[in-house]
């Protein structure tokens, strides 16, 4: 009788070990899947960050180009204003000369 109880306990423990090994295997598999998902999500986030960084650089370049273009146009406008002022002074001088004659 005692021997049968020990054998039964041994079989129960064997089944428990098998169940725990199966559960541990399932948990390892689930963990591996979650790690893979996390790695993939990390890669996607890195790609998105890289894309955003590239877009930022393009925008900054464009902004610098526009600022340089604006400065050149401003310089050109100032030059034209100086030329206009000079021409207006010349016209005034010629009118004065004409009026004297």
N, C-alpha and C. Protein backbone atom coordinates (compact mmCIF):
# COMPACT_ATOMS: atom_id res chain seq x y z
N UNK A 1 0.83 -1.20 0.00
CA UNK A 1 0.00 0.00 0.00
C UNK A 1 0.88 1.26 0.00
N UNK A 2 1.84 1.28 0.84
CA UNK A 2 2.75 2.45 0.91
C UNK A 2 3.48 2.62 -0.40
N UNK A 3 3.87 1.51 -0.97
CA UNK A 3 4.59 1.55 -2.25
C UNK A 3 3.70 2.15 -3.34
N UNK A 4 2.42 1.77 -3.36
CA UNK A 4 1.48 2.30 -4.35
C UNK A 4 1.31 3.81 -4.16
N UNK A 5 1.26 4.27 -2.93
CA UNK A 5 1.14 5.71 -2.65
C UNK A 5 2.37 6.46 -3.16
N UNK A 6 3.54 5.89 -2.93
CA UNK A 6 4.80 6.51 -3.38
C UNK A 6 4.84 6.55 -4.90
N UNK A 7 4.43 5.44 -5.53
CA UNK A 7 4.39 5.40 -6.99
C UNK A 7 3.40 6.44 -7.51
N UNK A 8 2.24 6.54 -6.86
CA UNK A 8 1.23 7.53 -7.27
C UNK A 8 1.78 8.96 -7.12
N UNK A 9 2.43 9.21 -6.00
CA UNK A 9 3.03 10.54 -5.77
C UNK A 9 4.09 10.84 -6.82
N UNK A 10 4.88 9.82 -7.13
CA UNK A 10 5.93 9.96 -8.14
C UNK A 10 5.31 10.28 -9.50
N UNK A 11 4.24 9.56 -9.86
CA UNK A 11 3.56 9.83 -11.13
C UNK A 11 2.95 11.24 -11.13
N UNK A 12 2.35 11.64 -10.00
CA UNK A 12 1.77 12.99 -9.89
C UNK A 12 2.86 14.05 -10.06
N UNK A 13 3.97 13.83 -9.42
CA UNK A 13 5.08 14.78 -9.53
C UNK A 13 5.62 14.81 -10.96
N UNK A 14 5.67 13.65 -11.60
CA UNK A 14 6.11 13.59 -13.00
C UNK A 14 5.19 14.39 -13.91
N UNK A 15 3.86 14.23 -13.68
CA UNK A 15 2.90 15.00 -14.47
C UNK A 15 3.04 16.50 -14.18
N UNK A 16 3.25 16.84 -12.94
CA UNK A 16 3.43 18.25 -12.56
C UNK A 16 4.68 18.83 -13.21
N UNK A 17 5.77 18.07 -13.22
CA UNK A 17 7.01 18.52 -13.88
C UNK A 17 6.76 18.71 -15.37
N UNK A 18 6.09 17.77 -16.00
CA UNK A 18 5.80 17.88 -17.43
C UNK A 18 4.94 19.11 -17.71
N UNK A 19 3.92 19.34 -16.84
CA UNK A 19 3.06 20.51 -17.02
C UNK A 19 3.86 21.80 -16.86
N UNK A 20 4.73 21.84 -15.85
CA UNK A 20 5.54 23.04 -15.62
C UNK A 20 6.55 23.26 -16.75
N UNK A 21 7.12 22.19 -17.27
CA UNK A 21 8.04 22.31 -18.41
C UNK A 21 7.31 22.84 -19.63
N UNK A 22 6.09 22.34 -19.84
CA UNK A 22 5.28 22.79 -20.97
C UNK A 22 4.93 24.27 -20.81
N UNK A 23 4.55 24.65 -19.62
CA UNK A 23 4.22 26.05 -19.36
C UNK A 23 5.45 26.94 -19.53
N UNK A 24 6.59 26.48 -19.04
CA UNK A 24 7.83 27.25 -19.19
C UNK A 24 8.18 27.41 -20.67
N UNK A 25 8.00 26.36 -21.43
CA UNK A 25 8.26 26.42 -22.87
C UNK A 25 7.32 27.42 -23.55
N UNK A 26 6.06 27.39 -23.18
CA UNK A 26 5.08 28.33 -23.74
C UNK A 26 5.44 29.75 -23.36
N UNK A 27 5.84 29.95 -22.10
CA UNK A 27 6.22 31.29 -21.65
C UNK A 27 7.45 31.80 -22.40
N UNK A 28 8.44 30.90 -22.63
CA UNK A 28 9.62 31.29 -23.40
C UNK A 28 9.23 31.69 -24.81
N UNK A 29 8.32 30.92 -25.41
CA UNK A 29 7.87 31.23 -26.77
C UNK A 29 7.12 32.57 -26.80
N UNK A 30 6.24 32.77 -25.83
CA UNK A 30 5.51 34.05 -25.75
C UNK A 30 6.48 35.21 -25.55
N UNK A 31 7.46 35.00 -24.70
CA UNK A 31 8.46 36.03 -24.42
C UNK A 31 9.26 36.35 -25.69
N UNK A 32 9.63 35.32 -26.42
CA UNK A 32 10.37 35.53 -27.67
C UNK A 32 9.53 36.32 -28.67
N UNK A 33 8.24 36.00 -28.75
CA UNK A 33 7.35 36.73 -29.67
C UNK A 33 7.25 38.20 -29.26
N UNK A 34 7.12 38.44 -27.96
CA UNK A 34 7.02 39.82 -27.47
C UNK A 34 8.32 40.58 -27.72
N UNK A 35 9.45 39.91 -27.54
CA UNK A 35 10.73 40.56 -27.83
C UNK A 35 10.84 40.92 -29.31
N UNK A 36 10.41 40.01 -30.16
CA UNK A 36 10.44 40.27 -31.60
C UNK A 36 9.55 41.46 -31.94
N UNK A 37 8.35 41.49 -31.35
CA UNK A 37 7.44 42.62 -31.59
C UNK A 37 8.10 43.93 -31.13
N UNK A 38 8.71 43.90 -29.95
CA UNK A 38 9.34 45.11 -29.41
C UNK A 38 10.50 45.55 -30.30
N UNK A 39 11.29 44.60 -30.78
CA UNK A 39 12.40 44.95 -31.68
C UNK A 39 11.87 45.58 -32.97
N UNK A 40 10.82 44.96 -33.54
CA UNK A 40 10.23 45.50 -34.76
C UNK A 40 9.66 46.90 -34.54
N UNK A 41 8.98 47.08 -33.42
CA UNK A 41 8.43 48.41 -33.10
C UNK A 41 9.56 49.41 -32.94
N UNK A 42 10.64 49.00 -32.30
CA UNK A 42 11.80 49.88 -32.13
C UNK A 42 12.40 50.26 -33.47
N UNK A 43 12.50 49.30 -34.38
CA UNK A 43 13.03 49.60 -35.72
C UNK A 43 12.13 50.60 -36.45
N UNK A 44 10.82 50.37 -36.35
CA UNK A 44 9.87 51.28 -37.02
C UNK A 44 9.96 52.68 -36.43
N UNK A 45 10.08 52.77 -35.11
CA UNK A 45 10.21 54.08 -34.47
C UNK A 45 11.51 54.75 -34.89
N UNK A 46 12.58 53.97 -35.02
CA UNK A 46 13.86 54.52 -35.45
C UNK A 46 13.76 55.03 -36.89
N UNK A 47 13.08 54.26 -37.75
CA UNK A 47 12.88 54.70 -39.14
C UNK A 47 12.10 56.01 -39.16
N UNK A 48 11.04 56.08 -38.36
CA UNK A 48 10.22 57.30 -38.32
C UNK A 48 11.04 58.48 -37.80
N UNK A 49 11.86 58.24 -36.79
CA UNK A 49 12.71 59.31 -36.26
C UNK A 49 13.73 59.75 -37.30
N UNK A 50 14.32 58.80 -38.02
CA UNK A 50 15.28 59.15 -39.08
C UNK A 50 14.60 59.96 -40.17
N UNK A 51 13.39 59.54 -40.55
CA UNK A 51 12.65 60.26 -41.59
C UNK A 51 12.34 61.68 -41.11
N UNK A 52 11.92 61.82 -39.88
CA UNK A 52 11.60 63.15 -39.33
C UNK A 52 12.85 64.02 -39.28
N UNK A 53 13.99 63.42 -38.91
CA UNK A 53 15.25 64.16 -38.87
C UNK A 53 15.65 64.64 -40.27
N UNK A 54 15.49 63.76 -41.26
CA UNK A 54 15.80 64.14 -42.64
C UNK A 54 14.88 65.26 -43.12
N UNK A 55 13.60 65.15 -42.79
CA UNK A 55 12.64 66.19 -43.18
C UNK A 55 12.99 67.52 -42.50
N UNK A 56 13.39 67.45 -41.24
CA UNK A 56 13.81 68.66 -40.53
C UNK A 56 15.00 69.30 -41.22
N UNK A 57 15.98 68.50 -41.62
CA UNK A 57 17.16 69.03 -42.32
C UNK A 57 16.76 69.67 -43.64
N UNK A 58 15.85 69.02 -44.38
CA UNK A 58 15.38 69.61 -45.64
C UNK A 58 14.70 70.95 -45.39
N UNK A 59 13.87 71.00 -44.37
CA UNK A 59 13.17 72.25 -44.05
C UNK A 59 14.15 73.34 -43.62
N UNK A 60 15.15 72.97 -42.82
CA UNK A 60 16.14 73.94 -42.40
C UNK A 60 16.94 74.46 -43.60
N UNK A 61 17.29 73.56 -44.51
CA UNK A 61 18.00 73.98 -45.73
C UNK A 61 17.14 74.94 -46.53
N UNK A 62 15.87 74.60 -46.69
CA UNK A 62 14.96 75.45 -47.45
C UNK A 62 14.83 76.81 -46.78
N UNK A 63 14.73 76.81 -45.47
CA UNK A 63 14.62 78.06 -44.72
C UNK A 63 15.87 78.93 -44.93
N UNK A 64 17.04 78.31 -44.87
CA UNK A 64 18.29 79.05 -45.10
C UNK A 64 18.32 79.61 -46.52
N UNK A 65 17.89 78.78 -47.49
CA UNK A 65 17.84 79.25 -48.88
C UNK A 65 16.91 80.45 -49.02
N UNK A 66 15.73 80.36 -48.39
CA UNK A 66 14.77 81.47 -48.47
C UNK A 66 15.32 82.72 -47.80
N UNK A 67 16.00 82.54 -46.68
CA UNK A 67 16.58 83.70 -45.99
C UNK A 67 17.65 84.35 -46.85
N UNK A 68 18.49 83.54 -47.50
CA UNK A 68 19.52 84.08 -48.38
C UNK A 68 18.89 84.78 -49.57
N UNK A 69 17.85 84.17 -50.14
CA UNK A 69 17.14 84.78 -51.27
C UNK A 69 16.52 86.11 -50.84
N UNK A 70 15.93 86.13 -49.66
CA UNK A 70 15.33 87.36 -49.15
C UNK A 70 16.39 88.45 -48.98
N UNK A 71 17.54 88.07 -48.44
CA UNK A 71 18.62 89.05 -48.24
C UNK A 71 19.07 89.61 -49.59
N UNK A 72 19.21 88.75 -50.59
CA UNK A 72 19.61 89.22 -51.92
C UNK A 72 18.56 90.15 -52.53
N UNK A 73 17.29 89.77 -52.39
CA UNK A 73 16.22 90.61 -52.91
C UNK A 73 16.17 91.95 -52.18
N UNK A 74 16.40 91.93 -50.88
CA UNK A 74 16.42 93.16 -50.09
C UNK A 74 17.56 94.06 -50.56
N UNK A 75 18.71 93.45 -50.77
CA UNK A 75 19.88 94.20 -51.26
C UNK A 75 19.59 94.80 -52.64
N UNK A 76 18.96 94.01 -53.50
CA UNK A 76 18.61 94.48 -54.84
C UNK A 76 17.61 95.64 -54.76
N UNK A 77 16.61 95.51 -53.89
CA UNK A 77 15.61 96.58 -53.72
C UNK A 77 16.28 97.86 -53.23
N UNK A 78 17.21 97.73 -52.28
CA UNK A 78 17.93 98.92 -51.79
C UNK A 78 18.76 99.55 -52.90
N UNK A 79 19.39 98.72 -53.72
CA UNK A 79 20.17 99.23 -54.84
C UNK A 79 19.27 99.98 -55.82
N UNK A 80 18.12 99.41 -56.14
CA UNK A 80 17.18 100.06 -57.05
C UNK A 80 16.66 101.38 -56.47
N UNK A 81 16.43 101.40 -55.16
CA UNK A 81 15.98 102.63 -54.51
C UNK A 81 17.06 103.71 -54.61
N UNK A 82 18.32 103.31 -54.44
CA UNK A 82 19.42 104.28 -54.59
C UNK A 82 19.48 104.79 -56.02
N UNK A 83 19.34 103.87 -56.99
CA UNK A 83 19.36 104.29 -58.40
C UNK A 83 18.21 105.25 -58.69
N UNK A 84 17.03 104.92 -58.18
CA UNK A 84 15.86 105.78 -58.39
C UNK A 84 16.10 107.16 -57.79
N UNK A 85 16.63 107.17 -56.59
CA UNK A 85 16.91 108.46 -55.94
C UNK A 85 17.91 109.26 -56.75
N UNK A 86 18.94 108.60 -57.26
CA UNK A 86 19.94 109.28 -58.08
C UNK A 86 19.30 109.82 -59.35
N UNK A 87 18.47 109.03 -59.99
CA UNK A 87 17.80 109.47 -61.21
C UNK A 87 16.86 110.64 -60.93
N UNK A 88 16.14 110.56 -59.82
CA UNK A 88 15.24 111.67 -59.47
C UNK A 88 16.04 112.95 -59.25
N UNK A 89 17.20 112.84 -58.61
CA UNK A 89 18.05 114.02 -58.39
C UNK A 89 18.55 114.56 -59.73
N UNK A 90 18.91 113.64 -60.65
CA UNK A 90 19.36 114.08 -61.96
C UNK A 90 18.24 114.80 -62.71
N UNK A 91 17.04 114.23 -62.66
CA UNK A 91 15.90 114.86 -63.32
C UNK A 91 15.66 116.25 -62.73
N UNK A 92 15.74 116.35 -61.43
CA UNK A 92 15.55 117.64 -60.77
C UNK A 92 16.61 118.63 -61.23
N UNK A 93 17.84 118.17 -61.34
CA UNK A 93 18.93 119.05 -61.79
C UNK A 93 18.68 119.51 -63.22
N UNK A 94 18.26 118.57 -64.08
CA UNK A 94 17.99 118.94 -65.47
C UNK A 94 16.83 119.93 -65.56
N UNK A 95 15.81 119.75 -64.75
CA UNK A 95 14.68 120.68 -64.75
C UNK A 95 15.14 122.07 -64.31
N UNK A 96 15.99 122.07 -63.30
CA UNK A 96 16.51 123.35 -62.84
C UNK A 96 17.29 124.03 -63.94
N UNK A 97 18.14 123.28 -64.66
CA UNK A 97 18.91 123.83 -65.77
C UNK A 97 17.98 124.32 -66.86
N UNK A 98 16.93 123.55 -67.17
CA UNK A 98 15.99 123.96 -68.19
C UNK A 98 15.24 125.23 -67.80
N UNK A 99 14.88 125.30 -66.54
CA UNK A 99 14.16 126.48 -66.06
C UNK A 99 15.03 127.72 -66.13
N UNK A 100 16.33 127.57 -65.96
CA UNK A 100 17.24 128.71 -66.00
C UNK A 100 17.44 129.21 -67.43
N UNK A 101 17.28 128.34 -68.37
CA UNK A 101 17.52 128.73 -69.76
C UNK A 101 16.32 129.37 -70.31
